[in-house]
Amino acid sequence: MRWRGVLLSLLMVFGALFSSVNTTVYAEGAAKEVQATVKNLTIKNLNGQTTDKVYWTDRFYLDMDWDASSNGTNLKQGDYFDINLPKEMKFSSESAANDYNIYADDGHTVIAKAHVTPGPDNKGGKVRVSFEKWVEGRENVRGHIRLDTLFNRNDVKKDQKNTFDITVNGKGHPVSVHIQGPKKLPDEEILAKWGQTGSNANEAEWWVRVNYQKATLTNTVISDHLTGGSGTETYIPGSFQLRHVDYNDIGDETHNYGNVDLSGKLKIADDGKSFTINLGKVNGEQYRLVYKTTYTPKTKLLNNVKITSDEKTGETHGSYISSNFDGNGTGDLANKIKLTKVDAEDNTRLLANAVFEVTRSDGSKFELTTGADGTVTSDHLTSGIYKVKEKQAPTGYQLNGEEYTLTVSPSGGAVQTIKDSPIKTTVKVDKKWVGKKGASATVHLYADDVDTGKSVTLSETNHWTYTFEDLRQYSSVGKEIKYSVKEDSVAGYTSSISGDAVKGFTVTNTQDRPKTPSKPKTPSQPNTPPKAPKTGDLGGLPVYGSLLLLAAVLTGGLVAKKRRQAR
């Protein structure tokens, strides 16, 4: 009985132990750390080129492939793995301030998210890669990631090779690089420049070291202009600071005498893309010029600065590119079918609302319809052979009549891209002349009132007719395209267009009639009688003389008549 009691007690203890162990098992759907490894770990410069040398203050990329395929098909949404930096490295301020998406091969499906956490005192840190629902049911999940990083200057060995461990799941993955330390500045340096992160992702900050050589200069002008980027970037007024400083031989500031008043000295161009600072006389002073520009993320912005004076000139440039965290991944489907519908002429155009009929080996059927991203994935299927055929094409596309044979199994799914050709149409145009024919006429084709860039010159050579061919009948959203034509004006003719895209267009040019010249108007008679001559006006003497002569003749006639009567 005593032994029986002891045995019972032991069983109770073991039961309690096993019960406590079971409570540590992850519940269904609970997030958990999963196994992952890192491969092909390299250091790259900001231009994406692999390098074995990095200047101690420069940003660089940790470029690596990650592999979570050891988890088989057991990955779930929320599962994660961590990539840890050594204390000698840190994330750039931009990287640490953002979360990033890791995309599938299509470039828009998010398969995981990366969260950046800086380490204590900004030494080291980690990136947590957390998977999205996309991974569920997939195997061989793996991908690529690129981290924007810097060295902690006081923790690295300068001017020699350094080896660091990037840790994943407690395993270190070594990477080596030669770190170049600061060099003594050349005594003749008069100008140097570099760009760095501004206060937000849409700004870049620029630093210019001026007159390190302590030259004496007269009529000194600093000028600058922007190139590259998106072409829309401008200087930010109010961000300009010119500090009078002292430098040591490696370019560090040893003394700050305060800011120089730029009132009346700084002039920014109206377009905001260039500026000048008129310093006038410089008596060996050294300066630090700091200012900001707007910035378009992920572009490379160039900033060219120049100093001129009566004695010396100098010119240099700086460049800036924002943090370019990058990540992507792939995975094979297990016991599923994934279909992707694309335009046969443009594989980047993904097509929604394509309906497929899927036939099982037993003859039973089901349908799959593509979504807005042009893809559709089946539920978990029984292993075997499946027949897939398009049942309904997206609006504006011809039905693909091909039947596809796909195999699904626990070790992998079936992925198939199916192409549909767009429905095409033609547009005919004829030329008619009323009156004398012209030599030629140019007609342009429009689609929904937008010039297609297609045109034709009609003439006797093509018998005054032409047909625009290979035209899409429907737009990318499934709306039928309205085609029209317009003619370049022909001097001496009036143009009119009749018809439509279905029946064809007729462009008629009617010769303009010459204008009939108008009759000249009959000049009107003057209404004002001639004025009597003024007294003393000799110009009227001939007229008066004639009148006196006429009066004398008439008087003589009358006298003679009276004499004849008296006889």
Protein backbone atom coordinates (compact mmCIF):
# COMPACT_ATOMS: atom_id res chain seq x y z
CA MET A 1 0.00 0.00 0.00
CA ARG A 2 2.88 2.32 0.89
CA TRP A 3 4.49 1.71 -2.52
CA ARG A 4 1.17 2.17 -4.23
CA GLY A 5 0.82 5.61 -2.56
CA VAL A 6 4.33 6.60 -3.57
CA LEU A 7 3.67 5.57 -7.17
CA LEU A 8 0.45 7.59 -7.23
CA SER A 9 2.30 10.66 -5.92
CA LEU A 10 4.96 10.31 -8.63
CA LEU A 11 2.33 10.06 -11.31
CA MET A 12 0.70 13.25 -10.05
CA VAL A 13 4.05 15.07 -10.10
CA PHE A 14 4.81 13.91 -13.65
CA GLY A 15 1.33 14.89 -14.74
CA ALA A 16 1.82 18.40 -13.39
CA LEU A 17 5.20 18.67 -15.13
CA PHE A 18 3.85 17.58 -18.47
CA SER A 19 0.92 19.91 -18.07
CA SER A 20 3.25 22.88 -17.53
CA VAL A 21 5.30 21.88 -20.57
CA ASN A 22 2.25 21.81 -22.77
CA THR A 23 1.37 25.40 -21.83
CA THR A 24 4.55 26.60 -23.61
CA VAL A 25 3.45 25.24 -26.98
CA TYR A 26 2.32 28.00 -29.40
CA ALA A 27 -1.38 28.12 -29.89
CA GLU A 28 -2.82 27.81 -33.36
CA GLY A 29 -2.24 31.09 -35.22
CA ALA A 30 -0.03 32.62 -32.50
CA ALA A 31 3.04 34.50 -33.75
CA LYS A 32 6.32 32.71 -33.15
CA GLU A 33 9.98 33.06 -34.09
CA VAL A 34 10.87 30.78 -36.98
CA GLN A 35 14.10 29.46 -38.38
CA ALA A 36 15.89 31.52 -41.04
CA THR A 37 19.42 31.77 -42.40
CA VAL A 38 21.38 34.45 -44.23
CA LYS A 39 23.33 33.81 -47.42
CA ASN A 40 25.40 35.89 -49.85
CA LEU A 41 26.02 38.64 -47.31
CA THR A 42 27.88 41.59 -48.91
CA ILE A 43 28.50 45.30 -48.39
CA LYS A 44 27.46 47.67 -51.18
CA ASN A 45 27.81 51.41 -51.74
CA LEU A 46 24.82 53.69 -52.29
CA ASN A 47 25.05 53.07 -56.04
CA GLY A 48 24.38 49.39 -55.40
CA GLN A 49 27.92 48.25 -56.24
CA THR A 50 29.68 45.61 -54.12
CA THR A 51 32.71 47.12 -52.38
CA ASP A 52 35.43 46.03 -49.98
CA LYS A 53 36.24 49.58 -48.84
CA VAL A 54 34.02 52.06 -47.00
CA TYR A 55 34.93 55.49 -45.61
CA TRP A 56 34.31 55.56 -41.87
CA THR A 57 31.53 58.19 -42.02
CA ASP A 58 29.77 56.94 -45.18
CA ARG A 59 26.42 55.19 -45.37
CA PHE A 60 26.41 51.73 -46.96
CA TYR A 61 24.10 48.79 -47.59
CA LEU A 62 24.13 45.38 -45.93
CA ASP A 63 22.90 43.25 -48.80
CA MET A 64 21.84 39.66 -48.12
CA ASP A 65 19.60 36.76 -49.11
CA TRP A 66 17.39 35.25 -46.41
CA ASP A 67 15.98 31.73 -46.38
CA ALA A 68 13.08 30.43 -44.29
CA SER A 69 12.52 27.28 -46.37
CA SER A 70 13.44 24.98 -43.43
CA ASN A 71 9.97 25.72 -42.02
CA GLY A 72 8.31 23.85 -44.90
CA THR A 73 4.65 24.77 -45.27
CA ASN A 74 4.24 25.63 -41.58
CA LEU A 75 4.70 29.42 -41.78
CA LYS A 76 1.76 31.45 -40.51
CA GLN A 77 0.80 35.12 -40.52
CA GLY A 78 2.69 36.89 -37.73
CA ASP A 79 5.63 34.46 -37.66
CA TYR A 80 8.96 36.30 -37.68
CA PHE A 81 12.74 36.18 -37.59
CA ASP A 82 15.23 38.85 -36.46
CA ILE A 83 18.36 40.15 -38.21
CA ASN A 84 20.74 41.65 -35.63
CA LEU A 85 23.52 44.18 -36.23
CA PRO A 86 26.77 44.21 -34.23
CA LYS A 87 27.52 47.17 -31.93
CA GLU A 88 30.01 48.51 -34.48
CA MET A 89 27.11 49.31 -36.85
CA LYS A 90 23.89 51.30 -36.64
CA PHE A 91 20.90 52.02 -38.83
CA SER A 92 20.68 55.35 -40.63
CA SER A 93 18.22 57.76 -39.06
CA GLU A 94 15.87 57.28 -42.01
CA SER A 95 15.88 53.50 -41.73
CA ALA A 96 15.19 53.60 -38.02
CA ALA A 97 12.20 55.87 -38.50
CA ASN A 98 10.26 53.65 -40.87
CA ASP A 99 8.64 50.27 -41.35
CA TYR A 100 9.13 48.61 -44.72
CA ASN A 101 7.23 46.22 -46.96
CA ILE A 102 8.77 43.11 -48.45
CA TYR A 103 7.08 42.34 -51.76
CA ALA A 104 6.45 39.24 -53.82
CA ASP A 105 7.81 38.98 -57.36
CA ASP A 106 4.82 40.91 -58.74
CA GLY A 107 6.11 44.02 -56.97
CA HIS A 108 2.90 44.91 -55.13
CA THR A 109 1.83 41.90 -53.05
CA VAL A 110 3.18 42.32 -49.49
CA ILE A 111 4.51 39.02 -48.14
CA ALA A 112 6.21 40.39 -45.01
CA LYS A 113 6.89 43.60 -43.09
CA ALA A 114 10.24 44.72 -41.70
CA HIS A 115 10.40 46.75 -38.48
CA VAL A 116 13.69 48.49 -37.58
CA THR A 117 14.66 48.90 -33.92
CA PRO A 118 17.91 50.76 -33.08
CA GLY A 119 20.09 49.27 -30.35
CA PRO A 120 20.89 50.95 -27.00
CA ASP A 121 22.84 54.20 -27.51
CA ASN A 122 22.24 53.66 -31.23
CA LYS A 123 24.71 50.79 -31.29
CA GLY A 124 23.60 47.72 -33.20
CA GLY A 125 19.88 47.07 -33.49
CA LYS A 126 17.62 44.59 -35.20
CA VAL A 127 15.23 44.18 -38.11
CA ARG A 128 12.20 42.01 -37.39
CA VAL A 129 10.78 40.39 -40.52
CA SER A 130 7.13 39.45 -39.82
CA PHE A 131 5.29 37.37 -42.41
CA GLU A 132 1.87 38.19 -43.84
CA LYS A 133 -0.90 35.70 -44.68
CA TRP A 134 0.64 35.24 -48.14
CA VAL A 135 3.12 32.67 -46.75
CA GLU A 136 0.45 30.30 -45.48
CA GLY A 137 0.37 27.09 -47.50
CA ARG A 138 3.65 27.95 -49.23
CA GLU A 139 7.01 26.28 -48.96
CA ASN A 140 10.56 27.32 -49.91
CA VAL A 141 9.84 30.84 -48.66
CA ARG A 142 12.96 32.93 -49.17
CA GLY A 143 14.03 36.32 -50.44
CA HIS A 144 16.39 39.27 -50.37
CA ILE A 145 16.85 42.26 -48.07
CA ARG A 146 19.03 45.38 -48.07
CA LEU A 147 19.65 47.49 -44.96
CA ASP A 148 20.81 51.13 -44.91
CA THR A 149 23.54 51.33 -42.27
CA LEU A 150 26.50 53.29 -40.86
CA PHE A 151 29.55 52.51 -38.73
CA ASN A 152 29.84 53.66 -35.12
CA ARG A 153 33.02 55.62 -35.67
CA ASN A 154 34.55 54.99 -32.25
CA ASP A 155 33.96 51.23 -32.35
CA VAL A 156 35.73 50.35 -35.60
CA LYS A 157 39.36 49.95 -36.55
CA LYS A 158 40.30 52.56 -39.12
CA ASP A 159 42.52 52.04 -42.12
CA GLN A 160 42.35 48.26 -41.84
CA LYS A 161 40.10 45.29 -42.48
CA ASN A 162 37.20 44.75 -40.05
CA THR A 163 35.07 41.60 -39.73
CA PHE A 164 31.57 41.70 -38.25
CA ASP A 165 28.89 39.11 -37.49
CA ILE A 166 25.31 39.64 -38.64
CA THR A 167 23.25 37.37 -36.39
CA VAL A 168 20.04 35.48 -37.24
CA ASN A 169 18.54 32.93 -34.84
CA GLY A 170 21.67 33.14 -32.73
CA LYS A 171 23.96 32.22 -35.62
CA GLY A 172 26.56 34.71 -36.79
CA HIS A 173 27.13 35.40 -40.46
CA PRO A 174 30.48 37.16 -41.04
CA VAL A 175 31.11 40.08 -43.40
CA SER A 176 34.45 41.86 -43.89
CA VAL A 177 35.32 45.36 -45.14
CA HIS A 178 38.31 47.73 -45.12
CA ILE A 179 37.32 50.90 -43.23
CA GLN A 180 39.08 54.04 -44.41
CA GLY A 181 39.69 56.59 -41.67
CA PRO A 182 39.94 60.37 -41.87
CA LYS A 183 42.75 61.85 -43.92
CA LYS A 184 44.54 65.14 -43.52
CA LEU A 185 42.90 67.71 -45.74
CA PRO A 186 45.00 69.13 -48.60
CA ASP A 187 46.36 72.54 -47.72
CA GLU A 188 45.04 73.98 -51.00
CA GLU A 189 41.40 72.99 -50.41
CA ILE A 190 39.09 75.94 -50.84
CA LEU A 191 35.73 74.15 -51.18
CA ALA A 192 34.18 70.80 -50.14
CA LYS A 193 30.58 69.60 -49.99
CA TRP A 194 28.31 66.67 -49.02
CA GLY A 195 24.63 65.91 -48.47
CA GLN A 196 22.83 64.20 -45.60
CA THR A 197 19.35 63.46 -44.30
CA GLY A 198 17.17 66.47 -43.52
CA SER A 199 14.49 66.75 -40.86
CA ASN A 200 12.13 64.51 -42.89
CA ALA A 201 12.10 62.22 -45.92
CA ASN A 202 11.17 65.11 -48.24
CA GLU A 203 14.23 67.22 -47.38
CA ALA A 204 17.98 66.97 -47.91
CA GLU A 205 20.55 68.92 -45.91
CA TRP A 206 23.76 70.19 -47.51
CA TRP A 207 27.07 71.06 -45.81
CA VAL A 208 29.80 73.11 -47.49
CA ARG A 209 33.30 73.67 -46.08
CA VAL A 210 34.55 77.06 -47.32
CA ASN A 211 38.12 78.38 -47.49
CA TYR A 212 39.92 75.71 -45.50
CA GLN A 213 43.21 77.08 -46.92
CA LYS A 214 42.53 80.47 -45.21
CA ALA A 215 43.04 82.45 -48.40
CA THR A 216 42.57 86.21 -48.62
CA LEU A 217 39.91 86.87 -51.24
CA THR A 218 38.17 89.90 -52.71
CA ASN A 219 34.81 90.11 -54.48
CA THR A 220 34.03 86.64 -53.18
CA VAL A 221 30.82 84.95 -54.38
CA ILE A 222 29.48 81.48 -53.57
CA SER A 223 27.01 80.11 -56.11
CA ASP A 224 25.10 76.85 -56.27
CA HIS A 225 22.54 75.06 -58.46
CA LEU A 226 20.50 71.85 -58.34
CA THR A 227 20.42 69.01 -60.86
CA GLY A 228 19.14 65.44 -60.88
CA GLY A 229 16.40 64.30 -58.55
CA SER A 230 12.92 64.49 -60.01
CA GLY A 231 13.56 67.96 -61.47
CA THR A 232 11.12 69.63 -59.05
CA GLU A 233 13.49 70.19 -56.14
CA THR A 234 14.19 73.73 -54.86
CA TYR A 235 16.15 75.46 -52.10
CA ILE A 236 14.27 76.11 -48.86
CA PRO A 237 14.42 79.81 -47.89
CA GLY A 238 15.15 80.32 -44.21
CA SER A 239 17.30 77.20 -43.97
CA PHE A 240 20.56 78.98 -44.88
CA GLN A 241 23.22 79.33 -42.16
CA LEU A 242 26.75 80.59 -42.71
CA ARG A 243 28.97 80.02 -39.67
CA HIS A 244 32.40 81.54 -39.13
CA VAL A 245 34.48 78.62 -37.75
CA ASP A 246 37.94 77.17 -37.32
CA TYR A 247 38.82 73.72 -38.73
CA ASN A 248 41.49 71.22 -37.72
CA ASP A 249 43.51 69.33 -40.29
CA ILE A 250 40.84 66.62 -40.84
CA GLY A 251 37.95 69.08 -41.26
CA ASP A 252 36.37 68.98 -37.82
CA GLU A 253 35.20 72.28 -36.33
CA THR A 254 37.34 73.40 -33.39
CA HIS A 255 35.68 76.77 -32.82
CA ASN A 256 32.39 78.42 -33.80
CA TYR A 257 32.39 82.23 -33.92
CA GLY A 258 28.69 82.46 -34.71
CA ASN A 259 26.49 82.98 -37.75
CA VAL A 260 27.11 85.53 -40.48
CA ASP A 261 24.18 87.83 -41.27
CA LEU A 262 23.11 86.94 -44.82
CA SER A 263 20.76 89.91 -45.24
CA GLY A 264 21.50 91.51 -48.62
CA LYS A 265 24.09 88.81 -49.35
CA LEU A 266 21.88 85.80 -50.21
CA LYS A 267 19.86 85.80 -53.42
CA ILE A 268 17.76 82.79 -54.48
CA ALA A 269 16.65 82.60 -58.13
CA ASP A 270 12.95 82.94 -58.91
CA ASP A 271 12.74 79.26 -59.92
CA GLY A 272 14.34 78.23 -56.61
CA LYS A 273 17.05 76.16 -58.32
CA SER A 274 20.12 78.36 -57.81
CA PHE A 275 21.47 80.92 -55.38
CA THR A 276 24.39 83.27 -54.81
CA ILE A 277 25.99 84.56 -51.60
CA ASN A 278 28.10 87.70 -51.98
CA LEU A 279 30.75 87.59 -49.24
CA GLY A 280 32.81 90.46 -50.60
CA LYS A 281 36.16 90.64 -48.77
CA VAL A 282 37.41 87.46 -47.01
CA ASN A 283 40.47 87.92 -44.80
CA GLY A 284 41.40 84.27 -44.30
CA GLU A 285 38.13 83.35 -42.50
CA GLN A 286 36.90 79.77 -42.67
CA TYR A 287 33.18 79.06 -43.00
CA ARG A 288 30.62 76.27 -42.73
CA LEU A 289 27.61 76.80 -45.02
CA VAL A 290 24.51 74.70 -44.20
CA TYR A 291 21.18 74.77 -46.06
CA LYS A 292 18.30 72.53 -47.11
CA THR A 293 16.49 71.62 -50.30
CA THR A 294 13.29 69.79 -51.02
CA TYR A 295 13.82 66.18 -52.00
CA THR A 296 11.99 63.38 -53.80
CA PRO A 297 12.65 60.07 -51.97
CA LYS A 298 14.63 57.37 -53.77
CA THR A 299 16.05 59.80 -56.36
CA LYS A 300 19.65 60.97 -56.61
CA LEU A 301 19.95 64.73 -56.19
CA LEU A 302 23.09 66.60 -57.24
CA ASN A 303 24.14 69.94 -55.89
CA ASN A 304 26.97 71.89 -57.56
CA VAL A 305 28.72 74.67 -55.65
CA LYS A 306 31.28 77.21 -56.88
CA ILE A 307 33.36 79.96 -55.30
CA THR A 308 34.75 82.86 -57.33
CA SER A 309 36.98 85.77 -56.39
CA ASP A 310 39.55 88.04 -57.95
CA GLU A 311 42.29 85.71 -56.68
CA LYS A 312 40.91 82.16 -56.80
CA THR A 313 38.05 80.00 -58.04
CA GLY A 314 36.91 76.54 -57.02
CA GLU A 315 34.07 74.18 -57.81
CA THR A 316 32.77 70.90 -56.39
CA HIS A 317 29.52 68.98 -56.06
CA GLY A 318 27.68 66.82 -53.58
CA SER A 319 25.03 64.15 -54.04
CA TYR A 320 22.29 62.74 -51.88
CA ILE A 321 20.08 59.66 -52.04
CA SER A 322 17.67 58.68 -49.31
CA SER A 323 17.52 55.39 -47.48
CA ASN A 324 16.75 52.68 -49.99
CA PHE A 325 15.59 49.80 -47.83
CA ASP A 326 14.75 47.01 -50.21
CA GLY A 327 13.21 43.59 -49.78
CA ASN A 328 11.45 40.88 -51.76
CA GLY A 329 10.54 37.25 -51.42
CA THR A 330 9.21 34.15 -53.14
CA GLY A 331 7.54 30.91 -52.13
CA ASP A 332 6.16 27.79 -53.76
CA LEU A 333 2.49 26.89 -53.38
CA ALA A 334 1.59 23.55 -51.81
CA ASN A 335 -1.63 21.82 -52.97
CA LYS A 336 -2.91 25.04 -54.54
CA ILE A 337 -3.36 26.55 -57.99
CA LYS A 338 -2.42 30.16 -58.66
CA LEU A 339 -3.45 31.75 -61.96
CA THR A 340 -2.28 35.10 -63.28
CA LYS A 341 -4.04 36.82 -66.18
CA VAL A 342 -2.02 39.33 -68.26
CA ASP A 343 -2.29 41.29 -71.49
CA ALA A 344 -0.59 39.35 -74.31
CA GLU A 345 1.02 42.55 -75.63
CA ASP A 346 1.93 44.04 -72.25
CA ASN A 347 2.71 41.49 -69.55
CA THR A 348 2.78 44.23 -66.89
CA ARG A 349 -0.93 44.87 -67.48
CA LEU A 350 -2.74 42.55 -65.04
CA LEU A 351 -6.34 41.70 -65.91
CA ALA A 352 -9.23 41.33 -63.47
CA ASN A 353 -12.52 39.42 -63.94
CA ALA A 354 -11.15 36.57 -66.00
CA VAL A 355 -13.20 33.45 -65.16
CA PHE A 356 -11.56 30.00 -65.33
CA GLU A 357 -13.19 26.58 -65.21
CA VAL A 358 -11.11 24.01 -63.30
CA THR A 359 -11.83 20.30 -63.81
CA ARG A 360 -10.73 17.66 -61.29
CA SER A 361 -9.64 14.17 -62.30
CA ASP A 362 -13.09 12.83 -61.28
CA GLY A 363 -14.79 15.24 -63.68
CA SER A 364 -16.15 17.64 -61.08
CA LYS A 365 -15.62 21.33 -61.72
CA PHE A 366 -15.18 24.66 -59.95
CA GLU A 367 -14.42 28.22 -61.03
CA LEU A 368 -11.68 30.73 -60.23
CA THR A 369 -11.97 34.50 -61.01
CA THR A 370 -9.01 36.88 -61.05
CA GLY A 371 -9.08 39.89 -58.75
CA ALA A 372 -7.91 43.47 -59.21
CA ASP A 373 -4.27 42.33 -59.11
CA GLY A 374 -4.89 39.92 -62.01
CA THR A 375 -4.36 36.82 -59.84
CA VAL A 376 -6.43 34.16 -58.13
CA THR A 377 -5.32 31.36 -55.81
CA SER A 378 -7.41 28.31 -55.08
CA ASP A 379 -8.15 26.83 -51.70
CA HIS A 380 -6.18 23.80 -50.54
CA LEU A 381 -6.73 21.01 -53.11
CA THR A 382 -6.42 17.27 -53.16
CA SER A 383 -3.19 16.18 -54.83
CA GLY A 384 -3.63 15.27 -58.48
CA ILE A 385 -4.06 16.47 -62.06
CA TYR A 386 -6.30 19.48 -62.89
CA LYS A 387 -7.49 20.91 -66.22
CA VAL A 388 -7.80 24.70 -66.45
CA LYS A 389 -9.54 26.59 -69.26
CA GLU A 390 -10.68 30.18 -69.54
CA LYS A 391 -14.47 30.44 -69.49
CA GLN A 392 -14.92 34.21 -69.67
CA ALA A 393 -12.37 36.76 -70.82
CA PRO A 394 -12.08 40.27 -69.30
CA THR A 395 -13.96 42.96 -71.21
CA GLY A 396 -11.98 44.01 -74.25
CA TYR A 397 -10.07 40.76 -74.64
CA GLN A 398 -10.37 37.62 -76.76
CA LEU A 399 -11.07 34.34 -75.00
CA ASN A 400 -7.99 32.16 -74.59
CA GLY A 401 -9.07 28.74 -75.89
CA GLU A 402 -6.03 26.82 -74.64
CA GLU A 403 -6.49 24.12 -71.97
CA TYR A 404 -3.77 23.85 -69.31
CA THR A 405 -2.87 20.66 -67.42
CA LEU A 406 -1.61 21.40 -63.89
CA THR A 407 -0.29 19.16 -61.13
CA VAL A 408 -0.64 19.94 -57.43
CA SER A 409 0.97 18.06 -54.56
CA PRO A 410 2.04 18.55 -50.93
CA SER A 411 5.53 19.44 -52.14
CA GLY A 412 4.36 22.23 -54.42
CA GLY A 413 1.48 23.92 -56.13
CA ALA A 414 0.80 24.90 -59.70
CA VAL A 415 1.45 28.41 -60.97
CA GLN A 416 0.27 29.40 -64.44
CA THR A 417 0.29 32.71 -66.29
CA ILE A 418 -2.38 32.96 -69.00
CA LYS A 419 -2.33 35.63 -71.68
CA ASP A 420 -5.29 37.21 -73.45
CA SER A 421 -5.01 39.17 -76.67
CA PRO A 422 -6.84 42.52 -76.80
CA ILE A 423 -9.72 42.91 -79.22
CA LYS A 424 -8.58 45.07 -82.12
CA THR A 425 -10.33 47.38 -84.57
CA THR A 426 -9.54 49.57 -87.58
CA VAL A 427 -10.41 53.13 -88.57
CA LYS A 428 -10.66 54.16 -92.23
CA VAL A 429 -10.35 57.71 -93.52
CA ASP A 430 -11.07 59.04 -97.05
CA LYS A 431 -10.29 62.42 -98.57
CA LYS A 432 -12.66 64.34 -100.90
CA TRP A 433 -12.11 67.66 -102.64
CA VAL A 434 -14.73 70.16 -103.78
CA GLY A 435 -13.17 72.38 -106.40
CA LYS A 436 -9.52 72.09 -107.34
CA LYS A 437 -7.66 69.23 -105.61
CA GLY A 438 -4.87 70.07 -103.22
CA ALA A 439 -1.47 68.37 -103.31
CA SER A 440 -1.90 66.53 -99.97
CA ALA A 441 -3.52 66.65 -96.55
CA THR A 442 -2.40 65.31 -93.15
CA VAL A 443 -4.90 63.57 -90.85
CA HIS A 444 -4.31 62.65 -87.16
CA LEU A 445 -5.99 59.85 -85.21
CA TYR A 446 -7.42 60.57 -81.74
CA ALA A 447 -8.55 58.13 -79.03
CA ASP A 448 -11.01 59.55 -76.49
CA ASP A 449 -10.00 63.05 -77.68
CA VAL A 450 -6.30 62.37 -77.03
CA ASP A 451 -3.80 62.39 -79.91
CA THR A 452 -2.56 58.81 -80.43
CA GLY A 453 0.56 59.99 -82.24
CA LYS A 454 -0.62 58.18 -85.38
CA SER A 455 -1.09 60.23 -88.55
CA VAL A 456 -1.18 59.83 -92.32
CA THR A 457 -0.56 62.13 -95.27
CA LEU A 458 -3.24 61.53 -97.92
CA SER A 459 -2.35 62.14 -101.56
CA GLU A 460 -2.70 60.72 -105.06
CA THR A 461 -0.01 58.19 -104.08
CA ASN A 462 -2.33 56.37 -101.61
CA HIS A 463 -5.43 57.22 -103.65
CA TRP A 464 -6.65 59.62 -100.96
CA THR A 465 -7.55 56.80 -98.54
CA TYR A 466 -5.94 55.06 -95.55
CA THR A 467 -6.87 52.60 -92.80
CA PHE A 468 -5.43 52.82 -89.28
CA GLU A 469 -4.96 49.21 -88.15
CA ASP A 470 -4.07 47.24 -85.01
CA LEU A 471 -6.05 49.56 -82.72
CA ARG A 472 -7.29 48.49 -79.29
CA GLN A 473 -11.06 48.55 -79.19
CA TYR A 474 -11.23 48.84 -75.38
CA SER A 475 -9.30 50.75 -72.73
CA SER A 476 -7.50 49.17 -69.79
CA VAL A 477 -10.67 49.54 -67.67
CA GLY A 478 -12.86 47.78 -70.24
CA LYS A 479 -14.47 50.90 -71.76
CA GLU A 480 -14.81 51.05 -75.53
CA ILE A 481 -12.46 53.63 -77.01
CA LYS A 482 -13.97 56.46 -79.08
CA TYR A 483 -11.77 57.16 -82.11
CA SER A 484 -11.88 60.38 -84.13
CA VAL A 485 -9.76 62.22 -86.69
CA LYS A 486 -8.54 65.79 -87.14
CA GLU A 487 -6.95 67.39 -90.19
CA ASP A 488 -4.17 69.93 -90.40
CA SER A 489 -5.61 73.04 -92.05
CA VAL A 490 -5.03 73.38 -95.81
CA ALA A 491 -4.61 76.95 -97.08
CA GLY A 492 -7.44 78.03 -99.36
CA TYR A 493 -9.84 75.29 -98.26
CA THR A 494 -12.58 74.80 -95.69
CA SER A 495 -12.54 71.36 -94.03
CA SER A 496 -15.45 69.26 -92.76
CA ILE A 497 -15.49 65.72 -91.31
CA SER A 498 -18.33 63.22 -91.55
CA GLY A 499 -18.79 59.55 -90.62
CA ASP A 500 -17.61 57.60 -87.59
CA ALA A 501 -15.03 55.05 -86.50
CA VAL A 502 -17.23 52.10 -87.50
CA LYS A 503 -18.22 53.23 -91.01
CA GLY A 504 -15.11 55.30 -91.61
CA PHE A 505 -14.45 59.02 -91.75
CA THR A 506 -14.63 61.27 -94.80
CA VAL A 507 -12.68 64.51 -94.70
CA THR A 508 -13.99 66.97 -97.29
CA ASN A 509 -12.02 70.05 -98.31
CA THR A 510 -13.99 72.72 -100.19
CA GLN A 511 -12.06 75.32 -102.16
CA ASP A 512 -12.67 78.84 -100.92
CA ARG A 513 -14.25 81.23 -103.54
CA PRO A 514 -12.31 84.38 -104.39
CA LYS A 515 -13.94 87.53 -103.02
CA THR A 516 -15.72 89.90 -105.60
CA PRO A 517 -14.25 93.42 -105.43
CA SER A 518 -16.79 96.05 -104.34
CA LYS A 519 -17.83 99.01 -106.63
CA PRO A 520 -16.15 102.33 -105.93
CA LYS A 521 -18.51 104.91 -104.43
CA THR A 522 -19.57 107.98 -106.52
CA PRO A 523 -18.07 111.07 -105.00
CA SER A 524 -20.72 113.41 -103.53
CA GLN A 525 -21.30 116.99 -104.81
CA PRO A 526 -20.10 119.77 -102.60
CA ASN A 527 -22.97 121.57 -100.86
CA THR A 528 -21.09 124.70 -99.88
CA PRO A 529 -21.14 127.50 -102.59
CA PRO A 530 -17.89 129.25 -103.36
CA LYS A 531 -17.19 132.14 -101.08
CA ALA A 532 -17.20 135.73 -102.48
CA PRO A 533 -13.76 137.21 -102.70
CA LYS A 534 -12.82 139.51 -99.91
CA THR A 535 -12.17 143.20 -100.49
CA GLY A 536 -8.68 143.74 -101.70
CA ASP A 537 -8.33 140.12 -102.83
CA LEU A 538 -6.68 140.43 -106.29
CA GLY A 539 -7.27 136.76 -106.92
CA GLY A 540 -10.89 137.64 -107.92
CA LEU A 541 -10.01 140.34 -110.56
CA PRO A 542 -10.39 138.11 -113.66
CA VAL A 543 -13.91 137.10 -112.56
CA TYR A 544 -15.03 140.68 -111.99
CA GLY A 545 -13.50 141.76 -115.25
CA SER A 546 -15.54 139.17 -117.13
CA LEU A 547 -18.72 140.28 -115.43
CA LEU A 548 -18.07 143.96 -116.28
CA LEU A 549 -17.41 143.07 -119.91
CA LEU A 550 -20.67 141.08 -120.09
CA ALA A 551 -22.62 143.99 -118.55
CA ALA A 552 -21.14 146.43 -121.09
CA VAL A 553 -22.10 144.22 -124.01
CA LEU A 554 -25.65 143.86 -122.73
CA THR A 555 -25.91 147.64 -122.15
CA GLY A 556 -24.57 148.44 -125.60
CA GLY A 557 -27.11 146.10 -127.13
CA LEU A 558 -29.97 147.74 -125.40
CA VAL A 559 -28.82 151.26 -126.43
CA ALA A 560 -28.52 150.20 -130.03
CA LYS A 561 -31.96 148.68 -129.98
CA LYS A 562 -33.52 151.92 -128.63
CA ARG A 563 -31.81 153.99 -131.34
CA ARG A 564 -33.25 151.77 -134.09
CA GLN A 565 -36.71 152.13 -132.59
CA ALA A 566 -36.42 155.95 -132.46
CA ARG A 567 -35.67 156.10 -136.18
